[in-house]
N, C-alpha and C. Protein backbone atom coordinates (compact mmCIF):
# COMPACT_ATOMS: atom_id res chain seq x y z
N GLU A 1 7.29 49.33 127.83
CA GLU A 1 8.54 49.55 128.58
C GLU A 1 9.46 50.46 127.78
N GLN A 2 9.98 51.47 128.44
CA GLN A 2 10.86 52.45 127.80
C GLN A 2 12.28 51.87 127.76
N LEU A 3 12.82 51.68 126.54
CA LEU A 3 14.15 51.09 126.43
C LEU A 3 15.24 52.14 126.32
N GLY A 4 14.97 53.21 125.58
CA GLY A 4 15.95 54.27 125.40
C GLY A 4 15.55 55.49 126.19
N PRO A 5 16.11 56.64 125.81
CA PRO A 5 15.76 57.87 126.51
C PRO A 5 14.32 58.28 126.23
N GLU A 6 13.74 59.03 127.15
CA GLU A 6 12.41 59.58 126.91
C GLU A 6 12.58 60.96 126.28
N PHE A 7 11.97 61.15 125.11
CA PHE A 7 12.05 62.43 124.40
C PHE A 7 10.86 63.30 124.76
N VAL A 8 11.11 64.59 124.93
CA VAL A 8 10.07 65.54 125.32
C VAL A 8 10.12 66.72 124.37
N PHE A 9 9.00 66.96 123.67
CA PHE A 9 8.89 68.11 122.77
C PHE A 9 8.58 69.36 123.59
N VAL A 10 9.36 70.41 123.39
CA VAL A 10 9.15 71.68 124.10
C VAL A 10 8.74 72.72 123.06
N ASN A 11 7.49 73.14 123.14
CA ASN A 11 6.95 74.05 122.13
C ASN A 11 7.18 75.51 122.54
N LYS A 12 8.45 75.85 122.76
CA LYS A 12 8.86 77.23 123.03
C LYS A 12 9.96 77.52 122.03
N LYS A 13 9.94 78.69 121.43
CA LYS A 13 10.96 79.01 120.43
C LYS A 13 12.16 79.67 121.09
N MET A 14 13.32 79.03 120.92
CA MET A 14 14.57 79.53 121.49
C MET A 14 15.69 79.29 120.50
N ASP A 15 16.80 80.05 120.66
CA ASP A 15 17.98 79.70 119.89
C ASP A 15 18.57 78.41 120.49
N TRP A 16 19.55 77.83 119.79
CA TRP A 16 20.06 76.52 120.19
C TRP A 16 20.64 76.54 121.61
N SER A 17 21.43 77.57 121.93
CA SER A 17 22.08 77.63 123.25
C SER A 17 21.07 77.72 124.38
N ASN A 18 20.02 78.52 124.19
CA ASN A 18 19.00 78.63 125.24
C ASN A 18 18.17 77.35 125.33
N ALA A 19 17.93 76.70 124.18
CA ALA A 19 17.23 75.41 124.20
C ALA A 19 18.06 74.38 124.97
N GLN A 20 19.37 74.38 124.73
CA GLN A 20 20.26 73.47 125.46
C GLN A 20 20.20 73.75 126.96
N ARG A 21 20.25 75.01 127.34
CA ARG A 21 20.21 75.39 128.76
C ARG A 21 18.89 74.92 129.39
N TYR A 22 17.78 75.16 128.68
CA TYR A 22 16.46 74.76 129.18
C TYR A 22 16.42 73.24 129.41
N CYS A 23 16.87 72.48 128.41
CA CYS A 23 16.85 71.02 128.54
C CYS A 23 17.71 70.56 129.71
N ARG A 24 18.87 71.18 129.88
CA ARG A 24 19.76 70.77 130.97
C ARG A 24 19.19 71.12 132.34
N GLU A 25 18.43 72.20 132.42
CA GLU A 25 17.81 72.58 133.70
C GLU A 25 16.62 71.69 134.04
N LYS A 26 15.81 71.37 133.04
CA LYS A 26 14.54 70.69 133.32
C LYS A 26 14.57 69.18 133.04
N PHE A 27 15.47 68.73 132.19
CA PHE A 27 15.53 67.31 131.81
C PHE A 27 16.97 66.83 131.93
N THR A 28 17.53 66.30 130.84
CA THR A 28 18.94 65.90 130.84
C THR A 28 19.73 66.75 129.86
N ASP A 29 19.28 66.80 128.59
CA ASP A 29 19.98 67.58 127.57
C ASP A 29 19.09 67.65 126.33
N LEU A 30 19.55 68.38 125.32
CA LEU A 30 18.89 68.32 124.02
C LEU A 30 18.95 66.89 123.50
N ALA A 31 18.00 66.52 122.66
CA ALA A 31 17.90 65.14 122.17
C ALA A 31 19.16 64.68 121.46
N THR A 32 19.63 63.52 121.86
CA THR A 32 20.68 62.79 121.15
C THR A 32 19.98 61.65 120.43
N VAL A 33 20.17 61.56 119.12
CA VAL A 33 19.44 60.58 118.30
C VAL A 33 20.45 59.55 117.81
N ARG A 34 20.34 58.32 118.32
CA ARG A 34 21.35 57.31 118.04
C ARG A 34 20.91 56.22 117.08
N SER A 35 19.68 56.28 116.60
CA SER A 35 19.19 55.23 115.71
C SER A 35 17.99 55.75 114.93
N LEU A 36 17.62 55.03 113.89
CA LEU A 36 16.44 55.40 113.12
C LEU A 36 15.19 55.34 114.00
N ALA A 37 15.13 54.36 114.89
CA ALA A 37 13.97 54.25 115.79
C ALA A 37 13.86 55.49 116.67
N GLU A 38 14.98 55.98 117.21
CA GLU A 38 14.94 57.18 118.03
C GLU A 38 14.58 58.40 117.19
N HIS A 39 15.09 58.44 115.95
CA HIS A 39 14.72 59.55 115.06
C HIS A 39 13.20 59.57 114.85
N GLN A 40 12.61 58.41 114.60
CA GLN A 40 11.16 58.33 114.39
C GLN A 40 10.41 58.76 115.65
N GLU A 41 10.94 58.40 116.80
CA GLU A 41 10.29 58.78 118.06
C GLU A 41 10.30 60.31 118.22
N VAL A 42 11.45 60.93 117.90
CA VAL A 42 11.53 62.39 117.95
C VAL A 42 10.52 63.00 116.98
N ARG A 43 10.46 62.47 115.75
CA ARG A 43 9.53 62.99 114.74
C ARG A 43 8.08 62.86 115.21
N ASN A 44 7.77 61.77 115.85
CA ASN A 44 6.39 61.55 116.31
C ASN A 44 5.98 62.54 117.40
N LYS A 45 6.95 63.07 118.14
CA LYS A 45 6.64 64.01 119.22
C LYS A 45 6.46 65.44 118.73
N THR A 46 6.91 65.75 117.51
CA THR A 46 7.08 67.16 117.15
C THR A 46 5.94 67.77 116.35
N THR A 47 4.88 67.07 116.14
CA THR A 47 3.70 67.60 115.43
C THR A 47 4.08 68.32 114.13
N GLY A 48 5.04 67.76 113.41
CA GLY A 48 5.39 68.31 112.10
C GLY A 48 6.25 69.56 112.12
N SER A 49 6.77 69.95 113.27
CA SER A 49 7.61 71.15 113.35
C SER A 49 9.06 70.81 113.06
N SER A 50 9.81 71.80 112.58
CA SER A 50 11.27 71.68 112.56
C SER A 50 11.75 72.04 113.96
N VAL A 51 12.62 71.21 114.52
CA VAL A 51 13.02 71.38 115.92
C VAL A 51 14.53 71.23 116.07
N TRP A 52 15.06 71.91 117.08
CA TRP A 52 16.46 71.69 117.44
C TRP A 52 16.62 70.31 118.04
N ILE A 53 17.70 69.62 117.65
CA ILE A 53 18.17 68.44 118.36
C ILE A 53 19.57 68.78 118.86
N GLY A 54 20.21 67.88 119.58
CA GLY A 54 21.45 68.22 120.26
C GLY A 54 22.71 68.18 119.43
N LEU A 55 22.60 68.22 118.11
CA LEU A 55 23.76 68.11 117.24
C LEU A 55 24.32 69.48 116.91
N PHE A 56 25.64 69.63 117.01
CA PHE A 56 26.24 70.89 116.59
C PHE A 56 27.69 70.70 116.19
N ARG A 57 28.21 71.69 115.49
CA ARG A 57 29.61 71.66 115.08
C ARG A 57 30.30 72.93 115.54
N HIS A 58 31.35 72.77 116.33
CA HIS A 58 32.16 73.92 116.74
C HIS A 58 33.42 73.44 117.43
N PRO A 59 34.51 73.12 116.77
CA PRO A 59 34.66 73.05 115.32
C PRO A 59 34.30 71.68 114.76
N ASP A 60 34.23 70.64 115.62
CA ASP A 60 33.89 69.30 115.15
C ASP A 60 32.44 68.97 115.46
N VAL A 61 31.88 68.03 114.71
CA VAL A 61 30.48 67.63 114.91
C VAL A 61 30.38 66.72 116.13
N HIS A 62 29.49 67.06 117.05
CA HIS A 62 29.21 66.17 118.17
C HIS A 62 27.85 66.49 118.77
N TRP A 63 27.42 65.62 119.68
CA TRP A 63 26.15 65.80 120.36
C TRP A 63 26.36 66.64 121.61
N SER A 64 25.33 67.35 121.98
CA SER A 64 25.35 68.23 123.15
C SER A 64 25.78 67.49 124.43
N ASP A 65 25.38 66.23 124.57
CA ASP A 65 25.72 65.48 125.79
C ASP A 65 27.10 64.82 125.71
N GLY A 66 27.83 65.09 124.62
CA GLY A 66 29.18 64.56 124.47
C GLY A 66 29.25 63.17 123.88
N SER A 67 28.11 62.56 123.55
CA SER A 67 28.15 61.20 123.03
C SER A 67 28.58 61.18 121.57
N GLY A 68 28.98 60.00 121.11
CA GLY A 68 29.54 59.83 119.78
C GLY A 68 28.55 60.11 118.66
N TYR A 69 29.11 60.56 117.56
CA TYR A 69 28.32 60.94 116.39
C TYR A 69 28.44 59.81 115.38
N SER A 70 27.67 58.73 115.56
CA SER A 70 27.78 57.60 114.64
C SER A 70 26.55 57.50 113.74
N PHE A 71 25.34 57.55 114.31
CA PHE A 71 24.13 57.54 113.48
C PHE A 71 23.97 58.91 112.84
N LYS A 72 23.75 58.92 111.50
CA LYS A 72 23.57 60.19 110.77
C LYS A 72 22.31 60.08 109.92
N TYR A 73 21.54 61.14 109.86
CA TYR A 73 20.31 61.12 109.05
C TYR A 73 20.14 62.46 108.33
N TRP A 74 21.24 62.91 107.70
CA TRP A 74 21.21 64.19 107.00
C TRP A 74 20.39 64.10 105.73
N ASP A 75 19.84 65.22 105.34
CA ASP A 75 19.28 65.38 104.03
C ASP A 75 20.45 65.15 103.06
N SER A 76 20.19 64.92 101.79
CA SER A 76 21.18 64.33 100.88
C SER A 76 22.41 65.16 100.55
N ARG A 77 22.46 66.41 100.95
CA ARG A 77 23.63 67.22 100.60
C ARG A 77 24.89 66.63 101.23
N PRO A 78 26.02 66.59 100.47
CA PRO A 78 27.21 65.91 100.99
C PRO A 78 27.84 66.60 102.19
N ASN A 79 27.79 67.93 102.26
CA ASN A 79 28.37 68.65 103.40
C ASN A 79 27.31 69.55 104.00
N PRO A 80 26.47 68.99 104.87
CA PRO A 80 25.33 69.78 105.37
C PRO A 80 25.74 71.02 106.15
N PHE A 81 26.96 71.02 106.69
CA PHE A 81 27.37 72.15 107.52
C PHE A 81 27.97 73.30 106.72
N GLY A 82 28.28 73.09 105.45
CA GLY A 82 28.87 74.17 104.67
C GLY A 82 30.18 74.62 105.28
N SER A 83 30.50 75.90 105.14
CA SER A 83 31.79 76.38 105.63
C SER A 83 31.69 77.08 106.98
N SER A 84 30.48 77.27 107.50
CA SER A 84 30.35 77.93 108.80
C SER A 84 30.99 77.08 109.89
N SER A 85 31.65 77.73 110.84
CA SER A 85 32.29 76.93 111.88
C SER A 85 31.30 76.54 112.97
N LYS A 86 30.40 77.43 113.36
CA LYS A 86 29.43 77.10 114.41
C LYS A 86 28.05 76.97 113.78
N ILE A 87 27.54 75.77 113.79
CA ILE A 87 26.26 75.50 113.14
C ILE A 87 25.58 74.39 113.94
N CYS A 88 24.26 74.37 113.91
CA CYS A 88 23.53 73.42 114.76
C CYS A 88 22.58 72.56 113.94
N GLY A 89 22.19 71.42 114.50
CA GLY A 89 21.37 70.46 113.78
C GLY A 89 19.89 70.58 114.10
N VAL A 90 19.08 70.41 113.05
CA VAL A 90 17.63 70.50 113.14
C VAL A 90 17.03 69.23 112.55
N SER A 91 16.02 68.69 113.21
CA SER A 91 15.20 67.66 112.60
C SER A 91 14.13 68.39 111.81
N ALA A 92 14.26 68.39 110.49
CA ALA A 92 13.43 69.24 109.63
C ALA A 92 12.07 68.61 109.38
N SER A 93 11.06 69.46 109.34
CA SER A 93 9.68 68.96 109.29
C SER A 93 9.33 68.32 107.96
N ARG A 94 9.49 69.03 106.86
CA ARG A 94 8.96 68.54 105.59
C ARG A 94 9.73 67.36 105.03
N ILE A 95 11.06 67.38 105.16
CA ILE A 95 11.84 66.31 104.55
C ILE A 95 12.07 65.13 105.49
N GLY A 96 11.85 65.34 106.79
CA GLY A 96 12.00 64.25 107.74
C GLY A 96 13.43 63.87 108.05
N ARG A 97 14.38 64.59 107.49
CA ARG A 97 15.79 64.33 107.78
C ARG A 97 16.38 65.53 108.48
N TRP A 98 17.67 65.46 108.80
CA TRP A 98 18.31 66.56 109.50
C TRP A 98 18.79 67.62 108.54
N ARG A 99 18.78 68.83 109.01
CA ARG A 99 19.34 69.97 108.28
C ARG A 99 20.25 70.74 109.23
N ALA A 100 21.21 71.45 108.66
CA ALA A 100 22.07 72.33 109.46
C ALA A 100 21.53 73.74 109.35
N MET A 101 21.46 74.44 110.47
CA MET A 101 20.97 75.82 110.48
C MET A 101 21.82 76.67 111.40
N PRO A 102 21.82 78.00 111.18
CA PRO A 102 22.53 78.87 112.13
C PRO A 102 21.95 78.70 113.53
N CYS A 103 22.83 78.67 114.52
CA CYS A 103 22.43 78.38 115.90
C CYS A 103 21.56 79.46 116.52
N ASP A 104 21.50 80.64 115.90
CA ASP A 104 20.69 81.72 116.50
C ASP A 104 19.25 81.74 115.99
N GLU A 105 18.89 80.81 115.09
CA GLU A 105 17.48 80.67 114.71
C GLU A 105 16.67 80.32 115.96
N ARG A 106 15.42 80.75 115.99
CA ARG A 106 14.56 80.43 117.14
C ARG A 106 13.56 79.35 116.72
N LEU A 107 13.70 78.18 117.33
CA LEU A 107 12.86 77.03 117.01
C LEU A 107 12.41 76.35 118.29
N ALA A 108 11.33 75.56 118.16
CA ALA A 108 10.98 74.62 119.24
C ALA A 108 12.08 73.56 119.28
N PHE A 109 12.04 72.68 120.27
CA PHE A 109 13.16 71.74 120.41
C PHE A 109 12.71 70.49 121.14
N VAL A 110 13.58 69.48 121.12
CA VAL A 110 13.30 68.22 121.79
C VAL A 110 14.42 67.93 122.79
N CYS A 111 14.00 67.68 124.04
CA CYS A 111 14.93 67.30 125.11
C CYS A 111 14.81 65.79 125.33
N TYR A 112 15.74 65.24 126.11
CA TYR A 112 15.55 63.87 126.57
C TYR A 112 15.80 63.79 128.07
N GLY A 113 15.26 62.74 128.66
CA GLY A 113 15.43 62.52 130.10
C GLY A 113 14.13 62.73 130.84
N ASP A 114 14.13 62.36 132.10
CA ASP A 114 12.94 62.51 132.93
C ASP A 114 12.97 63.85 133.64
N PRO A 115 11.81 64.48 133.84
CA PRO A 115 11.77 65.71 134.63
C PRO A 115 12.31 65.43 136.03
N PRO A 116 12.94 66.43 136.66
CA PRO A 116 13.50 66.21 138.01
C PRO A 116 12.40 65.94 139.03
């Protein structure tokens, strides 16, 4: 039985904004990760790739679907976003934690929700 959102790995390389648009057209939105269990579920779908998730900062950190930013799984750096104002979140392959990257990088991504 599915308790939380259904995550869908999309193996197409897009910048963050186009990935967000794709997810909103075909599913619900880019993945919002609210717990360690959901993080593991996203990781299990991605075949070891670094992927966009729905986290971004412009100017404040929030999820693409507008939900609260309470669960955090950043790599150990204290300020993952640095000084850039617009930056996006990635579930990074090798370290298994989140990294901040420029939003114009082209990566595969994870959406959530059921297909229409």
